[in-house]
Amino acid sequence: MPYVVEVTVKSQRGKCAFGHKVGDKIILDGRSVKGDICYSALMTLLPKIYAMRYGVEFPWSEEDGDVIFNACPDPDNPVVFRIQRVRE
């Protein structure tokens, strides 16, 4: 069964054009996206989110393979997202 994935803004430098702030949460359950997320960031995160939904563990992951970090594509105003597989 696929996992739910929770994405949280871990850090943000400069001025995010979308308005992301530390602590913002987005939940992806395979049917919906709950929370607001910039399309540019979503396109960067989606391959990893999809893989984590189906159990992939990345070699650089933390917390027993259930957490990874990924930055948005804006090099001048980076937002770093924490991507966590939710095991229920």
PDB file of N, CA and C in Angstrom:
ATOM      1  N   MET A   1       0.835  -1.185   0.000  1.00  0.00           N
ATOM      2  CA  MET A   1       0.000   0.000   0.000  1.00  0.00           C
ATOM      3  C   MET A   1       0.882   1.252   0.000  1.00  0.00           C
ATOM      4  N   PRO A   2       0.601   2.226  -0.842  1.00  0.00           N
ATOM      5  CA  PRO A   2       1.408   3.445  -0.871  1.00  0.00           C
ATOM      6  C   PRO A   2       1.294   4.232   0.434  1.00  0.00           C
ATOM      7  N   TYR A   3       2.357   4.954   0.737  1.00  0.00           N
ATOM      8  CA  TYR A   3       2.413   5.776   1.946  1.00  0.00           C
ATOM      9  C   TYR A   3       1.925   7.193   1.667  1.00  0.00           C
ATOM     10  N   VAL A   4       1.474   7.857   2.692  1.00  0.00           N
ATOM     11  CA  VAL A   4       1.215   9.298   2.655  1.00  0.00           C
ATOM     12  C   VAL A   4       2.569   9.972   2.854  1.00  0.00           C
ATOM     13  N   VAL A   5       2.762  11.107   2.201  1.00  0.00           N
ATOM     14  CA  VAL A   5       4.014  11.852   2.343  1.00  0.00           C
ATOM     15  C   VAL A   5       3.693  13.252   2.843  1.00  0.00           C
ATOM     16  N   GLU A   6       4.441  13.679   3.850  1.00  0.00           N
ATOM     17  CA  GLU A   6       4.276  15.015   4.416  1.00  0.00           C
ATOM     18  C   GLU A   6       5.510  15.842   4.067  1.00  0.00           C
ATOM     19  N   VAL A   7       5.287  17.013   3.507  1.00  0.00           N
ATOM     20  CA  VAL A   7       6.366  17.927   3.145  1.00  0.00           C
ATOM     21  C   VAL A   7       6.254  19.156   4.045  1.00  0.00           C
ATOM     22  N   THR A   8       7.373  19.530   4.665  1.00  0.00           N
ATOM     23  CA  THR A   8       7.399  20.673   5.567  1.00  0.00           C
ATOM     24  C   THR A   8       8.535  21.599   5.154  1.00  0.00           C
ATOM     25  N   VAL A   9       8.288  22.906   5.169  1.00  0.00           N
ATOM     26  CA  VAL A   9       9.350  23.861   4.884  1.00  0.00           C
ATOM     27  C   VAL A   9      10.292  23.874   6.079  1.00  0.00           C
ATOM     28  N   LYS A  10      11.550  23.480   5.829  1.00  0.00           N
ATOM     29  CA  LYS A  10      12.566  23.422   6.886  1.00  0.00           C
ATOM     30  C   LYS A  10      13.279  24.761   7.032  1.00  0.00           C
ATOM     31  N   SER A  11      13.603  25.395   5.904  1.00  0.00           N
ATOM     32  CA  SER A  11      14.275  26.686   5.955  1.00  0.00           C
ATOM     33  C   SER A  11      13.941  27.479   4.700  1.00  0.00           C
ATOM     34  N   GLN A  12      14.104  28.793   4.801  1.00  0.00           N
ATOM     35  CA  GLN A  12      13.836  29.678   3.676  1.00  0.00           C
ATOM     36  C   GLN A  12      14.715  30.906   3.822  1.00  0.00           C
ATOM     37  N   ARG A  13      15.502  31.188   2.775  1.00  0.00           N
ATOM     38  CA  ARG A  13      16.368  32.381   2.789  1.00  0.00           C
ATOM     39  C   ARG A  13      15.927  33.333   1.689  1.00  0.00           C
ATOM     40  N   GLY A  14      16.145  34.613   1.905  1.00  0.00           N
ATOM     41  CA  GLY A  14      15.751  35.603   0.910  1.00  0.00           C
ATOM     42  C   GLY A  14      14.247  35.810   0.945  1.00  0.00           C
ATOM     43  N   LYS A  15      13.678  36.066  -0.233  1.00  0.00           N
ATOM     44  CA  LYS A  15      12.234  36.308  -0.331  1.00  0.00           C
ATOM     45  C   LYS A  15      11.630  35.299  -1.295  1.00  0.00           C
ATOM     46  N   CYS A  16      10.882  34.380  -0.776  1.00  0.00           N
ATOM     47  CA  CYS A  16      10.200  33.384  -1.605  1.00  0.00           C
ATOM     48  C   CYS A  16       9.047  34.079  -2.326  1.00  0.00           C
ATOM     49  N   ALA A  17       9.051  34.025  -3.659  1.00  0.00           N
ATOM     50  CA  ALA A  17       8.008  34.686  -4.446  1.00  0.00           C
ATOM     51  C   ALA A  17       6.623  34.103  -4.164  1.00  0.00           C
ATOM     52  N   PHE A  18       6.572  32.823  -3.799  1.00  0.00           N
ATOM     53  CA  PHE A  18       5.299  32.175  -3.503  1.00  0.00           C
ATOM     54  C   PHE A  18       4.828  32.481  -2.080  1.00  0.00           C
ATOM     55  N   GLY A  19       5.785  32.764  -1.201  1.00  0.00           N
ATOM     56  CA  GLY A  19       5.447  33.083   0.181  1.00  0.00           C
ATOM     57  C   GLY A  19       5.617  31.946   1.162  1.00  0.00           C
ATOM     58  N   HIS A  20       6.358  30.903   0.781  1.00  0.00           N
ATOM     59  CA  HIS A  20       6.596  29.806   1.723  1.00  0.00           C
ATOM     60  C   HIS A  20       7.320  30.317   2.961  1.00  0.00           C
ATOM     61  N   LYS A  21       6.934  29.770   4.108  1.00  0.00           N
ATOM     62  CA  LYS A  21       7.565  30.113   5.385  1.00  0.00           C
ATOM     63  C   LYS A  21       7.899  28.826   6.140  1.00  0.00           C
ATOM     64  N   VAL A  22       8.902  28.908   6.991  1.00  0.00           N
ATOM     65  CA  VAL A  22       9.297  27.756   7.803  1.00  0.00           C
ATOM     66  C   VAL A  22       8.084  27.242   8.562  1.00  0.00           C
ATOM     67  N   GLY A  23       7.881  25.930   8.493  1.00  0.00           N
ATOM     68  CA  GLY A  23       6.762  25.300   9.184  1.00  0.00           C
ATOM     69  C   GLY A  23       5.571  24.997   8.289  1.00  0.00           C
ATOM     70  N   ASP A  24       5.501  25.607   7.098  1.00  0.00           N
ATOM     71  CA  ASP A  24       4.402  25.293   6.173  1.00  0.00           C
ATOM     72  C   ASP A  24       4.379  23.800   5.904  1.00  0.00           C
ATOM     73  N   LYS A  25       3.178  23.192   5.873  1.00  0.00           N
ATOM     74  CA  LYS A  25       3.043  21.742   5.637  1.00  0.00           C
ATOM     75  C   LYS A  25       2.152  21.477   4.436  1.00  0.00           C
ATOM     76  N   ILE A  26       2.549  20.447   3.697  1.00  0.00           N
ATOM     77  CA  ILE A  26       1.790  19.970   2.551  1.00  0.00           C
ATOM     78  C   ILE A  26       1.681  18.456   2.702  1.00  0.00           C
ATOM     79  N   ILE A  27       0.487  17.910   2.554  1.00  0.00           N
ATOM     80  CA  ILE A  27       0.262  16.472   2.657  1.00  0.00           C
ATOM     81  C   ILE A  27      -0.131  15.948   1.282  1.00  0.00           C
ATOM     82  N   LEU A  28       0.558  14.902   0.828  1.00  0.00           N
ATOM     83  CA  LEU A  28       0.251  14.267  -0.452  1.00  0.00           C
ATOM     84  C   LEU A  28      -0.112  12.816  -0.179  1.00  0.00           C
ATOM     85  N   ASP A  29      -1.345  12.452  -0.543  1.00  0.00           N
ATOM     86  CA  ASP A  29      -1.816  11.099  -0.244  1.00  0.00           C
ATOM     87  C   ASP A  29      -2.091  10.259  -1.491  1.00  0.00           C
ATOM     88  N   GLY A  30      -1.694  10.779  -2.656  1.00  0.00           N
ATOM     89  CA  GLY A  30      -1.930  10.047  -3.885  1.00  0.00           C
ATOM     90  C   GLY A  30      -3.231  10.419  -4.567  1.00  0.00           C
ATOM     91  N   ARG A  31      -4.130  11.047  -3.835  1.00  0.00           N
ATOM     92  CA  ARG A  31      -5.408  11.497  -4.397  1.00  0.00           C
ATOM     93  C   ARG A  31      -5.514  13.015  -4.375  1.00  0.00           C
ATOM     94  N   SER A  32      -4.819  13.629  -3.414  1.00  0.00           N
ATOM     95  CA  SER A  32      -4.925  15.082  -3.286  1.00  0.00           C
ATOM     96  C   SER A  32      -3.642  15.654  -2.706  1.00  0.00           C
ATOM     97  N   VAL A  33      -3.531  16.958  -2.864  1.00  0.00           N
ATOM     98  CA  VAL A  33      -2.438  17.720  -2.260  1.00  0.00           C
ATOM     99  C   VAL A  33      -3.103  18.684  -1.298  1.00  0.00           C
ATOM    100  N   LYS A  34      -2.833  18.507  -0.004  1.00  0.00           N
ATOM    101  CA  LYS A  34      -3.445  19.360   1.016  1.00  0.00           C
ATOM    102  C   LYS A  34      -2.406  20.371   1.485  1.00  0.00           C
ATOM    103  N   GLY A  35      -2.661  21.628   1.219  1.00  0.00           N
ATOM    104  CA  GLY A  35      -1.729  22.694   1.537  1.00  0.00           C
ATOM    105  C   GLY A  35      -1.284  23.377   0.260  1.00  0.00           C
ATOM    106  N   ASP A  36      -0.742  24.553   0.405  1.00  0.00           N
ATOM    107  CA  ASP A  36      -0.310  25.333  -0.749  1.00  0.00           C
ATOM    108  C   ASP A  36       1.158  25.064  -1.037  1.00  0.00           C
ATOM    109  N   ILE A  37       1.469  24.918  -2.341  1.00  0.00           N
ATOM    110  CA  ILE A  37       2.860  24.704  -2.732  1.00  0.00           C
ATOM    111  C   ILE A  37       3.101  25.326  -4.101  1.00  0.00           C
ATOM    112  N   CYS A  38       4.222  25.950  -4.229  1.00  0.00           N
ATOM    113  CA  CYS A  38       4.660  26.560  -5.479  1.00  0.00           C
ATOM    114  C   CYS A  38       4.848  25.471  -6.535  1.00  0.00           C
ATOM    115  N   TYR A  39       4.365  25.715  -7.752  1.00  0.00           N
ATOM    116  CA  TYR A  39       4.487  24.714  -8.823  1.00  0.00           C
ATOM    117  C   TYR A  39       5.951  24.386  -9.133  1.00  0.00           C
ATOM    118  N   SER A  40       6.833  25.376  -9.104  1.00  0.00           N
ATOM    119  CA  SER A  40       8.253  25.110  -9.381  1.00  0.00           C
ATOM    120  C   SER A  40       8.828  24.167  -8.339  1.00  0.00           C
ATOM    121  N   ALA A  41       8.508  24.398  -7.084  1.00  0.00           N
ATOM    122  CA  ALA A  41       8.980  23.512  -6.019  1.00  0.00           C
ATOM    123  C   ALA A  41       8.349  22.134  -6.166  1.00  0.00           C
ATOM    124  N   LEU A  42       7.055  22.078  -6.449  1.00  0.00           N
ATOM    125  CA  LEU A  42       6.366  20.797  -6.587  1.00  0.00           C
ATOM    126  C   LEU A  42       6.994  19.950  -7.692  1.00  0.00           C
ATOM    127  N   MET A  43       7.334  20.560  -8.816  1.00  0.00           N
ATOM    128  CA  MET A  43       7.938  19.806  -9.919  1.00  0.00           C
ATOM    129  C   MET A  43       9.303  19.243  -9.535  1.00  0.00           C
ATOM    130  N   THR A  44      10.012  19.945  -8.667  1.00  0.00           N
ATOM    131  CA  THR A  44      11.308  19.461  -8.184  1.00  0.00           C
ATOM    132  C   THR A  44      11.132  18.332  -7.172  1.00  0.00           C
ATOM    133  N   LEU A  45      10.127  18.441  -6.327  1.00  0.00           N
ATOM    134  CA  LEU A  45       9.916  17.472  -5.251  1.00  0.00           C
ATOM    135  C   LEU A  45       9.184  16.208  -5.709  1.00  0.00           C
ATOM    136  N   LEU A  46       8.343  16.323  -6.712  1.00  0.00           N
ATOM    137  CA  LEU A  46       7.444  15.232  -7.087  1.00  0.00           C
ATOM    138  C   LEU A  46       8.125  13.892  -7.364  1.00  0.00           C
ATOM    139  N   PRO A  47       9.245  13.832  -8.082  1.00  0.00           N
ATOM    140  CA  PRO A  47       9.868  12.511  -8.284  1.00  0.00           C
ATOM    141  C   PRO A  47      10.256  11.825  -6.973  1.00  0.00           C
ATOM    142  N   LYS A  48      10.751  12.590  -6.026  1.00  0.00           N
ATOM    143  CA  LYS A  48      11.143  12.008  -4.740  1.00  0.00           C
ATOM    144  C   LYS A  48       9.918  11.636  -3.914  1.00  0.00           C
ATOM    145  N   ILE A  49       8.898  12.484  -3.954  1.00  0.00           N
ATOM    146  CA  ILE A  49       7.656  12.180  -3.240  1.00  0.00           C
ATOM    147  C   ILE A  49       7.056  10.879  -3.774  1.00  0.00           C
ATOM    148  N   TYR A  50       6.999  10.758  -5.089  1.00  0.00           N
ATOM    149  CA  TYR A  50       6.425   9.560  -5.717  1.00  0.00           C
ATOM    150  C   TYR A  50       7.210   8.315  -5.314  1.00  0.00           C
ATOM    151  N   ALA A  51       8.526   8.404  -5.370  1.00  0.00           N
ATOM    152  CA  ALA A  51       9.359   7.258  -4.996  1.00  0.00           C
ATOM    153  C   ALA A  51       9.151   6.879  -3.532  1.00  0.00           C
ATOM    154  N   MET A  52       9.095   7.868  -2.663  1.00  0.00           N
ATOM    155  CA  MET A  52       8.915   7.583  -1.231  1.00  0.00           C
ATOM    156  C   MET A  52       7.542   6.996  -0.940  1.00  0.00           C
ATOM    157  N   ARG A  53       6.536   7.389  -1.714  1.00  0.00           N
ATOM    158  CA  ARG A  53       5.200   6.798  -1.520  1.00  0.00           C
ATOM    159  C   ARG A  53       5.227   5.294  -1.710  1.00  0.00           C
ATOM    160  N   TYR A  54       6.134   4.822  -2.554  1.00  0.00           N
ATOM    161  CA  TYR A  54       6.184   3.390  -2.859  1.00  0.00           C
ATOM    162  C   TYR A  54       7.373   2.671  -2.214  1.00  0.00           C
ATOM    163  N   GLY A  55       7.924   3.264  -1.162  1.00  0.00           N
ATOM    164  CA  GLY A  55       8.887   2.554  -0.340  1.00  0.00           C
ATOM    165  C   GLY A  55      10.354   2.727  -0.661  1.00  0.00           C
ATOM    166  N   VAL A  56      10.699   3.570  -1.639  1.00  0.00           N
ATOM    167  CA  VAL A  56      12.107   3.764  -1.970  1.00  0.00           C
ATOM    168  C   VAL A  56      12.822   4.399  -0.789  1.00  0.00           C
ATOM    169  N   GLU A  57      14.036   3.939  -0.529  1.00  0.00           N
ATOM    170  CA  GLU A  57      14.889   4.557   0.482  1.00  0.00           C
ATOM    171  C   GLU A  57      16.131   5.068  -0.221  1.00  0.00           C
ATOM    172  N   PHE A  58      16.366   6.369  -0.119  1.00  0.00           N
ATOM    173  CA  PHE A  58      17.530   6.989  -0.735  1.00  0.00           C
ATOM    174  C   PHE A  58      18.745   6.803   0.171  1.00  0.00           C
ATOM    175  N   PRO A  59      19.949   6.620  -0.396  1.00  0.00           N
ATOM    176  CA  PRO A  59      21.134   6.384   0.437  1.00  0.00           C
ATOM    177  C   PRO A  59      21.490   7.565   1.337  1.00  0.00           C
ATOM    178  N   TRP A  60      21.031   8.760   1.019  1.00  0.00           N
ATOM    179  CA  TRP A  60      21.329   9.935   1.838  1.00  0.00           C
ATOM    180  C   TRP A  60      20.196  10.273   2.809  1.00  0.00           C
ATOM    181  N   SER A  61      19.202   9.410   2.881  1.00  0.00           N
ATOM    182  CA  SER A  61      18.053   9.697   3.743  1.00  0.00           C
ATOM    183  C   SER A  61      18.416   9.606   5.216  1.00  0.00           C
ATOM    184  N   GLU A  62      17.547  10.169   6.039  1.00  0.00           N
ATOM    185  CA  GLU A  62      17.743  10.172   7.485  1.00  0.00           C
ATOM    186  C   GLU A  62      16.586   9.451   8.162  1.00  0.00           C
ATOM    187  N   GLU A  63      16.705   9.256   9.457  1.00  0.00           N
ATOM    188  CA  GLU A  63      15.625   8.666  10.262  1.00  0.00           C
ATOM    189  C   GLU A  63      15.101   7.377   9.648  1.00  0.00           C
ATOM    190  N   ASP A  64      15.970   6.408   9.501  1.00  0.00           N
ATOM    191  CA  ASP A  64      15.605   5.086   8.985  1.00  0.00           C
ATOM    192  C   ASP A  64      15.024   5.126   7.575  1.00  0.00           C
ATOM    193  N   GLY A  65      15.478   6.061   6.756  1.00  0.00           N
ATOM    194  CA  GLY A  65      15.042   6.101   5.372  1.00  0.00           C
ATOM    195  C   GLY A  65      13.716   6.778   5.117  1.00  0.00           C
ATOM    196  N   ASP A  66      13.082   7.313   6.139  1.00  0.00           N
ATOM    197  CA  ASP A  66      11.764   7.923   5.960  1.00  0.00           C
ATOM    198  C   ASP A  66      11.799   9.430   5.754  1.00  0.00           C
ATOM    199  N   VAL A  67      12.984  10.049   5.790  1.00  0.00           N
ATOM    200  CA  VAL A  67      13.085  11.500   5.649  1.00  0.00           C
ATOM    201  C   VAL A  67      14.231  11.856   4.704  1.00  0.00           C
ATOM    202  N   ILE A  68      13.946  12.765   3.773  1.00  0.00           N
ATOM    203  CA  ILE A  68      14.990  13.369   2.948  1.00  0.00           C
ATOM    204  C   ILE A  68      14.724  14.864   2.862  1.00  0.00           C
ATOM    205  N   PHE A  69      15.702  15.604   2.376  1.00  0.00           N
ATOM    206  CA  PHE A  69      15.565  17.048   2.215  1.00  0.00           C
ATOM    207  C   PHE A  69      15.817  17.402   0.756  1.00  0.00           C
ATOM    208  N   ASN A  70      15.107  18.421   0.277  1.00  0.00           N
ATOM    209  CA  ASN A  70      15.266  18.851  -1.109  1.00  0.00           C
ATOM    210  C   ASN A  70      14.976  20.347  -1.182  1.00  0.00           C
ATOM    211  N   ALA A  71      15.761  21.067  -1.989  1.00  0.00           N
ATOM    212  CA  ALA A  71      15.574  22.509  -2.139  1.00  0.00           C
ATOM    213  C   ALA A  71      14.784  22.830  -3.398  1.00  0.00           C
ATOM    214  N   CYS A  72      14.104  23.962  -3.367  1.00  0.00           N
ATOM    215  CA  CYS A  72      13.411  24.446  -4.562  1.00  0.00           C
ATOM    216  C   CYS A  72      14.457  24.903  -5.577  1.00  0.00           C
ATOM    217  N   PRO A  73      14.062  25.154  -6.823  1.00  0.00           N
ATOM    218  CA  PRO A  73      15.042  25.503  -7.843  1.00  0.00           C
ATOM    219  C   PRO A  73      15.497  26.967  -7.865  1.00  0.00           C
ATOM    220  N   ASP A  74      15.034  27.807  -6.945  1.00  0.00           N
ATOM    221  CA  ASP A  74      15.431  29.221  -6.939  1.00  0.00           C
ATOM    222  C   ASP A  74      16.754  29.374  -6.196  1.00  0.00           C
ATOM    223  N   PRO A  75      17.869  29.598  -6.902  1.00  0.00           N
ATOM    224  CA  PRO A  75      19.174  29.659  -6.232  1.00  0.00           C
ATOM    225  C   PRO A  75      19.368  30.910  -5.385  1.00  0.00           C
ATOM    226  N   ASP A  76      18.628  31.983  -5.668  1.00  0.00           N
ATOM    227  CA  ASP A  76      18.792  33.226  -4.920  1.00  0.00           C
ATOM    228  C   ASP A  76      17.932  33.298  -3.663  1.00  0.00           C
ATOM    229  N   ASN A  77      16.850  32.524  -3.622  1.00  0.00           N
ATOM    230  CA  ASN A  77      15.914  32.535  -2.499  1.00  0.00           C
ATOM    231  C   ASN A  77      15.512  31.099  -2.166  1.00  0.00           C
ATOM    232  N   PRO A  78      16.471  30.273  -1.768  1.00  0.00           N
ATOM    233  CA  PRO A  78      16.167  28.845  -1.612  1.00  0.00           C
ATOM    234  C   PRO A  78      15.226  28.523  -0.452  1.00  0.00           C
ATOM    235  N   VAL A  79      14.309  27.635  -0.764  1.00  0.00           N
ATOM    236  CA  VAL A  79      13.432  27.049   0.250  1.00  0.00           C
ATOM    237  C   VAL A  79      13.826  25.581   0.335  1.00  0.00           C
ATOM    238  N   VAL A  80      14.123  25.100   1.536  1.00  0.00           N
ATOM    239  CA  VAL A  80      14.479  23.694   1.731  1.00  0.00           C
ATOM    240  C   VAL A  80      13.281  22.988   2.351  1.00  0.00           C
ATOM    241  N   PHE A  81      12.907  21.881   1.732  1.00  0.00           N
ATOM    242  CA  PHE A  81      11.753  21.107   2.167  1.00  0.00           C
ATOM    243  C   PHE A  81      12.200  19.799   2.809  1.00  0.00           C
ATOM    244  N   ARG A  82      11.530  19.424   3.881  1.00  0.00           N
ATOM    245  CA  ARG A  82      11.710  18.119   4.527  1.00  0.00           C
ATOM    246  C   ARG A  82      10.599  17.219   4.007  1.00  0.00           C
ATOM    247  N   ILE A  83      10.976  16.111   3.391  1.00  0.00           N
ATOM    248  CA  ILE A  83      10.021  15.173   2.822  1.00  0.00           C
ATOM    249  C   ILE A  83      10.005  13.932   3.708  1.00  0.00           C
ATOM    250  N   GLN A  84       8.860  13.615   4.274  1.00  0.00           N
ATOM    251  CA  GLN A  84       8.766  12.492   5.211  1.00  0.00           C
ATOM    252  C   GLN A  84       7.679  11.508   4.798  1.00  0.00           C
ATOM    253  N   ARG A  85       8.068  10.249   4.732  1.00  0.00           N
ATOM    254  CA  ARG A  85       7.097   9.166   4.513  1.00  0.00           C
ATOM    255  C   ARG A  85       6.408   8.931   5.853  1.00  0.00           C
ATOM    256  N   VAL A  86       5.088   8.867   5.845  1.00  0.00           N
ATOM    257  CA  VAL A  86       4.323   8.652   7.076  1.00  0.00           C
ATOM    258  C   VAL A  86       3.939   7.186   7.156  1.00  0.00           C
ATOM    259  N   ARG A  87       4.479   6.509   8.129  1.00  0.00           N
ATOM    260  CA  ARG A  87       4.143   5.089   8.344  1.00  0.00           C
ATOM    261  C   ARG A  87       3.032   5.032   9.382  1.00  0.00           C
ATOM    262  N   GLU A  88       1.898   4.518   8.984  1.00  0.00           N
ATOM    263  CA  GLU A  88       0.757   4.463   9.915  1.00  0.00           C
ATOM    264  C   GLU A  88       0.535   3.056  10.410  1.00  0.00           C
TER     265      GLU A  88
END
